[in-house]
Amino acid sequence: MGQHRTTAAAFAIAATLALTACGSDDGGGDDKPDVPPYKITHQSKTGNQRTVDIEVKSTKQLEAVFEDAADKLTDDAGYYIGINCNSGGSAAADNRLANGRKAVGSIGAAVTGMNDGDIEYEAVEGRTCPDK
């Protein structure tokens, strides 16, 4: 009987570990949408107020693009992020799809009027990409 109990106990432990591994929430996997390709066309590297311009080829997952880019901004500053379509703009005006901002550190909070670490995203209504 001793071997049967050992085998049963080992099976119970293995099953518990498998369920724990499947049920863990590590922030990855399917919880985060796929980020479509984007290109940073301009990014300020100095100053308290910085701008980041991003170009995309479609309006799909714009907020995911914004969040991915914002996650990479870590210097203490206030960031203003613009997402533009790679077509439909002109020399005088971008084809702006979305705007956002992020506060990093006390400087970023002072510049943006937000709390440290906060982000804000807003899509421009009625825009298409490629522009029709």
N, C-alpha and C. Protein backbone atom coordinates (compact mmCIF):
# COMPACT_ATOMS: atom_id res chain seq x y z
N MET A 1 0.80 -1.20 0.00
CA MET A 1 0.00 0.00 0.00
C MET A 1 0.84 1.26 0.00
N GLY A 2 2.03 1.22 0.55
CA GLY A 2 2.89 2.38 0.63
C GLY A 2 3.21 2.94 -0.73
N GLN A 3 3.47 2.06 -1.71
CA GLN A 3 3.80 2.53 -3.05
C GLN A 3 2.57 3.15 -3.72
N HIS A 4 1.39 2.62 -3.49
CA HIS A 4 0.16 3.15 -4.07
C HIS A 4 -0.10 4.58 -3.57
N ARG A 5 0.11 4.79 -2.25
CA ARG A 5 -0.08 6.13 -1.68
C ARG A 5 0.94 7.11 -2.26
N THR A 6 2.17 6.68 -2.45
CA THR A 6 3.21 7.54 -3.00
C THR A 6 2.86 7.94 -4.43
N THR A 7 2.39 6.97 -5.22
CA THR A 7 2.01 7.25 -6.60
C THR A 7 0.81 8.19 -6.64
N ALA A 8 -0.17 7.96 -5.80
CA ALA A 8 -1.35 8.82 -5.74
C ALA A 8 -0.97 10.23 -5.31
N ALA A 9 -0.08 10.34 -4.33
CA ALA A 9 0.36 11.65 -3.86
C ALA A 9 1.13 12.39 -4.95
N ALA A 10 2.00 11.67 -5.65
CA ALA A 10 2.77 12.28 -6.74
C ALA A 10 1.83 12.76 -7.84
N PHE A 11 0.81 11.96 -8.18
CA PHE A 11 -0.15 12.35 -9.20
C PHE A 11 -0.91 13.61 -8.77
N ALA A 12 -1.33 13.67 -7.50
CA ALA A 12 -2.08 14.82 -6.99
C ALA A 12 -1.23 16.08 -7.04
N ILE A 13 0.05 15.96 -6.68
CA ILE A 13 0.95 17.11 -6.73
C ILE A 13 1.15 17.57 -8.17
N ALA A 14 1.36 16.64 -9.07
CA ALA A 14 1.56 16.97 -10.48
C ALA A 14 0.32 17.66 -11.06
N ALA A 15 -0.86 17.16 -10.72
CA ALA A 15 -2.10 17.76 -11.21
C ALA A 15 -2.27 19.17 -10.68
N THR A 16 -1.97 19.38 -9.40
CA THR A 16 -2.07 20.70 -8.80
C THR A 16 -1.12 21.68 -9.47
N LEU A 17 0.12 21.25 -9.70
CA LEU A 17 1.10 22.11 -10.37
C LEU A 17 0.65 22.47 -11.78
N ALA A 18 0.10 21.52 -12.51
CA ALA A 18 -0.37 21.77 -13.87
C ALA A 18 -1.50 22.78 -13.87
N LEU A 19 -2.45 22.65 -12.94
CA LEU A 19 -3.56 23.59 -12.87
C LEU A 19 -3.08 24.97 -12.47
N THR A 20 -2.13 25.04 -11.56
CA THR A 20 -1.58 26.33 -11.14
C THR A 20 -0.88 27.01 -12.30
N ALA A 21 -0.10 26.26 -13.07
CA ALA A 21 0.61 26.84 -14.21
C ALA A 21 -0.36 27.34 -15.25
N CYS A 22 -1.45 26.61 -15.51
CA CYS A 22 -2.43 27.02 -16.51
C CYS A 22 -3.23 28.23 -16.05
N GLY A 23 -3.44 28.37 -14.76
CA GLY A 23 -4.28 29.43 -14.26
C GLY A 23 -3.53 30.68 -13.86
N SER A 24 -2.22 30.70 -14.01
CA SER A 24 -1.47 31.87 -13.57
C SER A 24 -1.67 33.02 -14.53
N ASP A 25 -1.67 34.22 -14.01
CA ASP A 25 -1.83 35.43 -14.82
C ASP A 25 -0.53 36.20 -14.77
N ASP A 26 0.31 36.01 -15.78
CA ASP A 26 1.60 36.68 -15.80
C ASP A 26 1.58 37.93 -16.66
N GLY A 27 0.40 38.33 -17.15
CA GLY A 27 0.29 39.54 -17.95
C GLY A 27 0.62 39.32 -19.41
N GLY A 28 1.01 38.13 -19.80
CA GLY A 28 1.36 37.88 -21.19
C GLY A 28 0.29 37.08 -21.87
N GLY A 29 0.64 36.56 -23.00
CA GLY A 29 -0.27 35.67 -23.72
C GLY A 29 -1.40 36.41 -24.38
N ASP A 30 -2.59 35.84 -24.31
CA ASP A 30 -3.74 36.36 -25.04
C ASP A 30 -4.35 37.60 -24.40
N ASP A 31 -3.94 37.98 -23.19
CA ASP A 31 -4.51 39.15 -22.54
C ASP A 31 -4.14 40.44 -23.27
N LYS A 32 -2.98 40.49 -23.90
CA LYS A 32 -2.51 41.69 -24.58
C LYS A 32 -2.68 41.51 -26.09
N PRO A 33 -3.36 42.45 -26.74
CA PRO A 33 -3.58 42.29 -28.17
C PRO A 33 -2.25 42.39 -28.93
N ASP A 34 -2.24 41.74 -30.10
CA ASP A 34 -1.07 41.86 -30.96
C ASP A 34 -0.90 43.31 -31.38
N VAL A 35 0.33 43.77 -31.36
CA VAL A 35 0.61 45.14 -31.75
C VAL A 35 1.01 45.14 -33.22
N PRO A 36 0.24 45.85 -34.05
CA PRO A 36 0.61 45.91 -35.46
C PRO A 36 1.91 46.69 -35.65
N PRO A 37 2.54 46.53 -36.81
CA PRO A 37 3.79 47.26 -37.04
C PRO A 37 3.56 48.77 -37.05
N TYR A 38 4.53 49.48 -36.52
CA TYR A 38 4.50 50.94 -36.56
C TYR A 38 5.92 51.45 -36.64
N LYS A 39 6.05 52.72 -37.01
CA LYS A 39 7.37 53.33 -37.16
C LYS A 39 7.39 54.65 -36.41
N ILE A 40 8.39 54.83 -35.55
CA ILE A 40 8.58 56.12 -34.88
C ILE A 40 9.35 57.00 -35.85
N THR A 41 8.70 58.08 -36.29
CA THR A 41 9.32 58.97 -37.28
C THR A 41 10.04 60.15 -36.63
N HIS A 42 9.72 60.44 -35.38
CA HIS A 42 10.39 61.51 -34.63
C HIS A 42 10.23 61.23 -33.15
N GLN A 43 11.31 61.45 -32.40
CA GLN A 43 11.23 61.33 -30.95
C GLN A 43 12.22 62.28 -30.32
N SER A 44 11.71 63.23 -29.51
CA SER A 44 12.58 64.14 -28.78
C SER A 44 13.37 63.36 -27.75
N LYS A 45 14.64 63.68 -27.62
CA LYS A 45 15.51 62.96 -26.68
C LYS A 45 15.86 63.78 -25.44
N THR A 46 15.61 65.09 -25.49
CA THR A 46 15.96 65.95 -24.37
C THR A 46 14.81 66.89 -24.04
N GLY A 47 14.88 67.47 -22.85
CA GLY A 47 13.87 68.44 -22.42
C GLY A 47 12.82 67.81 -21.52
N ASN A 48 12.08 68.67 -20.86
CA ASN A 48 11.02 68.22 -19.95
C ASN A 48 9.76 67.82 -20.70
N GLN A 49 9.51 68.45 -21.84
CA GLN A 49 8.36 68.13 -22.67
C GLN A 49 8.87 67.55 -23.97
N ARG A 50 8.47 66.31 -24.27
CA ARG A 50 8.99 65.62 -25.45
C ARG A 50 7.86 65.16 -26.35
N THR A 51 8.15 65.10 -27.64
CA THR A 51 7.16 64.63 -28.60
C THR A 51 7.62 63.33 -29.24
N VAL A 52 6.64 62.51 -29.56
CA VAL A 52 6.89 61.26 -30.26
C VAL A 52 5.86 61.18 -31.38
N ASP A 53 6.34 61.05 -32.61
CA ASP A 53 5.45 60.89 -33.76
C ASP A 53 5.58 59.46 -34.28
N ILE A 54 4.42 58.83 -34.48
CA ILE A 54 4.37 57.43 -34.91
C ILE A 54 3.57 57.36 -36.21
N GLU A 55 4.03 56.51 -37.12
CA GLU A 55 3.33 56.27 -38.37
C GLU A 55 2.83 54.84 -38.43
N VAL A 56 1.59 54.67 -38.88
CA VAL A 56 0.99 53.34 -39.05
C VAL A 56 0.37 53.25 -40.44
N LYS A 57 0.05 52.02 -40.85
CA LYS A 57 -0.54 51.79 -42.16
C LYS A 57 -2.05 51.54 -42.11
N SER A 58 -2.61 51.40 -40.90
CA SER A 58 -4.05 51.17 -40.77
C SER A 58 -4.51 51.66 -39.40
N THR A 59 -5.82 51.68 -39.21
CA THR A 59 -6.38 52.12 -37.94
C THR A 59 -6.56 50.97 -36.95
N LYS A 60 -6.16 49.77 -37.32
CA LYS A 60 -6.33 48.61 -36.45
C LYS A 60 -5.40 48.69 -35.24
N GLN A 61 -5.97 48.44 -34.08
CA GLN A 61 -5.21 48.34 -32.82
C GLN A 61 -4.39 49.60 -32.51
N LEU A 62 -4.93 50.79 -32.79
CA LEU A 62 -4.19 52.03 -32.52
C LEU A 62 -3.83 52.18 -31.05
N GLU A 63 -4.75 51.80 -30.17
CA GLU A 63 -4.47 51.94 -28.74
C GLU A 63 -3.35 50.99 -28.32
N ALA A 64 -3.28 49.81 -28.93
CA ALA A 64 -2.19 48.87 -28.63
C ALA A 64 -0.86 49.45 -29.10
N VAL A 65 -0.85 50.12 -30.25
CA VAL A 65 0.36 50.79 -30.74
C VAL A 65 0.78 51.87 -29.74
N PHE A 66 -0.18 52.69 -29.32
CA PHE A 66 0.11 53.75 -28.36
C PHE A 66 0.69 53.18 -27.07
N GLU A 67 0.05 52.16 -26.52
CA GLU A 67 0.51 51.58 -25.26
C GLU A 67 1.89 50.95 -25.39
N ASP A 68 2.15 50.29 -26.52
CA ASP A 68 3.46 49.69 -26.73
C ASP A 68 4.55 50.76 -26.78
N ALA A 69 4.29 51.83 -27.51
CA ALA A 69 5.27 52.92 -27.60
C ALA A 69 5.43 53.62 -26.25
N ALA A 70 4.32 53.86 -25.55
CA ALA A 70 4.37 54.54 -24.25
C ALA A 70 5.14 53.73 -23.22
N ASP A 71 5.02 52.41 -23.28
CA ASP A 71 5.74 51.54 -22.33
C ASP A 71 7.25 51.72 -22.44
N LYS A 72 7.73 52.13 -23.59
CA LYS A 72 9.17 52.25 -23.83
C LYS A 72 9.70 53.62 -23.44
N LEU A 73 8.85 54.54 -23.05
CA LEU A 73 9.26 55.89 -22.65
C LEU A 73 9.51 55.91 -21.16
N THR A 74 10.77 55.98 -20.75
CA THR A 74 11.09 55.83 -19.33
C THR A 74 11.86 57.00 -18.73
N ASP A 75 12.37 57.93 -19.54
CA ASP A 75 13.07 59.09 -18.99
C ASP A 75 12.07 60.02 -18.33
N ASP A 76 12.48 60.69 -17.25
CA ASP A 76 11.61 61.65 -16.57
C ASP A 76 11.28 62.79 -17.54
N ALA A 77 10.03 62.85 -17.96
CA ALA A 77 9.57 63.90 -18.88
C ALA A 77 8.07 63.75 -19.09
N GLY A 78 7.50 64.74 -19.72
CA GLY A 78 6.12 64.67 -20.18
C GLY A 78 6.13 64.40 -21.67
N TYR A 79 5.47 63.33 -22.08
CA TYR A 79 5.50 62.90 -23.48
C TYR A 79 4.17 63.17 -24.14
N TYR A 80 4.22 63.72 -25.36
CA TYR A 80 3.05 63.93 -26.20
C TYR A 80 3.24 63.08 -27.44
N ILE A 81 2.32 62.15 -27.65
CA ILE A 81 2.46 61.14 -28.69
C ILE A 81 1.37 61.34 -29.73
N GLY A 82 1.79 61.42 -30.99
CA GLY A 82 0.84 61.53 -32.10
C GLY A 82 0.98 60.32 -33.00
N ILE A 83 -0.16 59.74 -33.39
CA ILE A 83 -0.15 58.61 -34.31
C ILE A 83 -0.77 59.08 -35.62
N ASN A 84 0.00 58.95 -36.70
CA ASN A 84 -0.41 59.40 -38.02
C ASN A 84 -0.48 58.24 -38.99
N CYS A 85 -1.36 58.38 -39.98
CA CYS A 85 -1.40 57.42 -41.08
C CYS A 85 -0.22 57.73 -41.99
N ASN A 86 0.38 56.70 -42.57
CA ASN A 86 1.52 56.93 -43.44
C ASN A 86 1.11 57.47 -44.80
N SER A 87 -0.21 57.61 -45.03
CA SER A 87 -0.68 58.22 -46.27
C SER A 87 -1.79 59.21 -45.93
N GLY A 88 -2.11 60.05 -46.89
CA GLY A 88 -3.24 60.97 -46.72
C GLY A 88 -2.88 62.28 -46.08
N GLY A 89 -1.66 62.45 -45.61
CA GLY A 89 -1.25 63.72 -45.03
C GLY A 89 -0.69 64.64 -46.11
N SER A 90 -0.29 65.81 -45.69
CA SER A 90 0.33 66.77 -46.60
C SER A 90 1.50 67.43 -45.90
N ALA A 91 2.20 68.28 -46.61
CA ALA A 91 3.32 69.01 -46.00
C ALA A 91 2.82 69.91 -44.88
N ALA A 92 1.58 70.37 -45.00
CA ALA A 92 1.03 71.29 -44.01
C ALA A 92 0.35 70.59 -42.83
N ALA A 93 -0.16 69.37 -43.04
CA ALA A 93 -0.90 68.69 -41.97
C ALA A 93 -0.77 67.18 -42.09
N ASP A 94 -0.57 66.54 -40.93
CA ASP A 94 -0.52 65.09 -40.87
C ASP A 94 -1.94 64.52 -41.00
N ASN A 95 -2.03 63.26 -41.33
CA ASN A 95 -3.31 62.55 -41.25
C ASN A 95 -3.35 61.93 -39.87
N ARG A 96 -3.69 62.75 -38.87
CA ARG A 96 -3.64 62.35 -37.46
C ARG A 96 -4.78 61.39 -37.13
N LEU A 97 -4.42 60.25 -36.55
CA LEU A 97 -5.38 59.23 -36.17
C LEU A 97 -5.65 59.22 -34.67
N ALA A 98 -4.64 59.54 -33.86
CA ALA A 98 -4.80 59.50 -32.41
C ALA A 98 -3.74 60.37 -31.75
N ASN A 99 -4.06 60.78 -30.54
CA ASN A 99 -3.14 61.56 -29.70
C ASN A 99 -3.08 60.92 -28.33
N GLY A 100 -1.97 61.11 -27.67
CA GLY A 100 -1.85 60.61 -26.31
C GLY A 100 -0.76 61.32 -25.56
N ARG A 101 -0.69 61.04 -24.30
CA ARG A 101 0.38 61.61 -23.48
C ARG A 101 0.70 60.67 -22.35
N LYS A 102 1.91 60.86 -21.81
CA LYS A 102 2.37 60.03 -20.70
C LYS A 102 3.22 60.89 -19.78
N ALA A 103 3.03 60.70 -18.48
CA ALA A 103 3.83 61.39 -17.47
C ALA A 103 4.81 60.40 -16.84
N VAL A 104 6.09 60.76 -16.88
CA VAL A 104 7.11 59.94 -16.23
C VAL A 104 7.83 60.81 -15.21
N GLY A 105 7.76 60.42 -13.95
CA GLY A 105 8.42 61.15 -12.87
C GLY A 105 7.69 62.43 -12.51
N SER A 106 8.25 63.15 -11.55
CA SER A 106 7.62 64.40 -11.10
C SER A 106 7.66 65.46 -12.19
N ILE A 107 8.70 65.43 -13.03
CA ILE A 107 8.78 66.39 -14.14
C ILE A 107 7.66 66.12 -15.13
N GLY A 108 7.47 64.86 -15.48
CA GLY A 108 6.40 64.51 -16.41
C GLY A 108 5.03 64.85 -15.86
N ALA A 109 4.86 64.65 -14.57
CA ALA A 109 3.58 64.99 -13.94
C ALA A 109 3.33 66.50 -14.01
N ALA A 110 4.36 67.29 -13.75
CA ALA A 110 4.21 68.74 -13.80
C ALA A 110 3.93 69.23 -15.22
N VAL A 111 4.59 68.64 -16.20
CA VAL A 111 4.42 69.06 -17.60
C VAL A 111 3.03 68.70 -18.13
N THR A 112 2.56 67.49 -17.84
CA THR A 112 1.30 67.01 -18.41
C THR A 112 0.07 67.31 -17.56
N GLY A 113 0.29 67.57 -16.26
CA GLY A 113 -0.84 67.76 -15.36
C GLY A 113 -1.46 66.44 -14.92
N MET A 114 -0.76 65.34 -15.21
CA MET A 114 -1.23 64.01 -14.82
C MET A 114 -0.36 63.50 -13.68
N ASN A 115 -0.72 62.35 -13.13
CA ASN A 115 0.10 61.71 -12.11
C ASN A 115 1.24 60.93 -12.77
N ASP A 116 2.33 60.77 -12.05
CA ASP A 116 3.46 59.97 -12.52
C ASP A 116 2.99 58.60 -12.95
N GLY A 117 3.35 58.20 -14.16
CA GLY A 117 3.00 56.88 -14.68
C GLY A 117 1.68 56.83 -15.43
N ASP A 118 0.89 57.88 -15.36
CA ASP A 118 -0.40 57.88 -16.06
C ASP A 118 -0.21 58.04 -17.57
N ILE A 119 -1.11 57.42 -18.32
CA ILE A 119 -1.15 57.60 -19.76
C ILE A 119 -2.57 57.98 -20.16
N GLU A 120 -2.69 58.69 -21.26
CA GLU A 120 -3.99 59.10 -21.77
C GLU A 120 -3.98 58.95 -23.28
N TYR A 121 -4.98 58.28 -23.82
CA TYR A 121 -5.08 58.01 -25.25
C TYR A 121 -6.42 58.51 -25.76
N GLU A 122 -6.42 59.12 -26.96
CA GLU A 122 -7.68 59.56 -27.57
C GLU A 122 -7.58 59.43 -29.08
N ALA A 123 -8.50 58.66 -29.66
CA ALA A 123 -8.56 58.51 -31.12
C ALA A 123 -9.22 59.75 -31.72
N VAL A 124 -8.80 60.11 -32.91
CA VAL A 124 -9.43 61.20 -33.65
C VAL A 124 -10.59 60.59 -34.44
N GLU A 125 -11.79 61.01 -34.13
CA GLU A 125 -13.00 60.43 -34.75
C GLU A 125 -13.05 60.71 -36.25
N GLY A 126 -13.53 59.71 -36.98
CA GLY A 126 -13.79 59.88 -38.40
C GLY A 126 -12.59 59.75 -39.32
N ARG A 127 -11.42 59.46 -38.80
CA ARG A 127 -10.22 59.32 -39.64
C ARG A 127 -10.11 57.91 -40.19
N THR A 128 -9.54 57.80 -41.36
CA THR A 128 -9.30 56.49 -41.96
C THR A 128 -7.84 56.39 -42.37
N CYS A 129 -7.40 55.17 -42.53
CA CYS A 129 -6.03 54.92 -42.96
C CYS A 129 -6.02 53.58 -43.69
N PRO A 130 -5.63 53.51 -44.92
CA PRO A 130 -5.19 54.68 -45.70
C PRO A 130 -6.35 55.64 -45.94
N ASP A 131 -6.00 56.90 -46.08
CA ASP A 131 -6.99 57.95 -46.27
C ASP A 131 -7.79 57.68 -47.53
N LYS A 132 -9.11 57.80 -47.45
CA LYS A 132 -9.98 57.53 -48.61
C LYS A 132 -10.51 58.81 -49.19
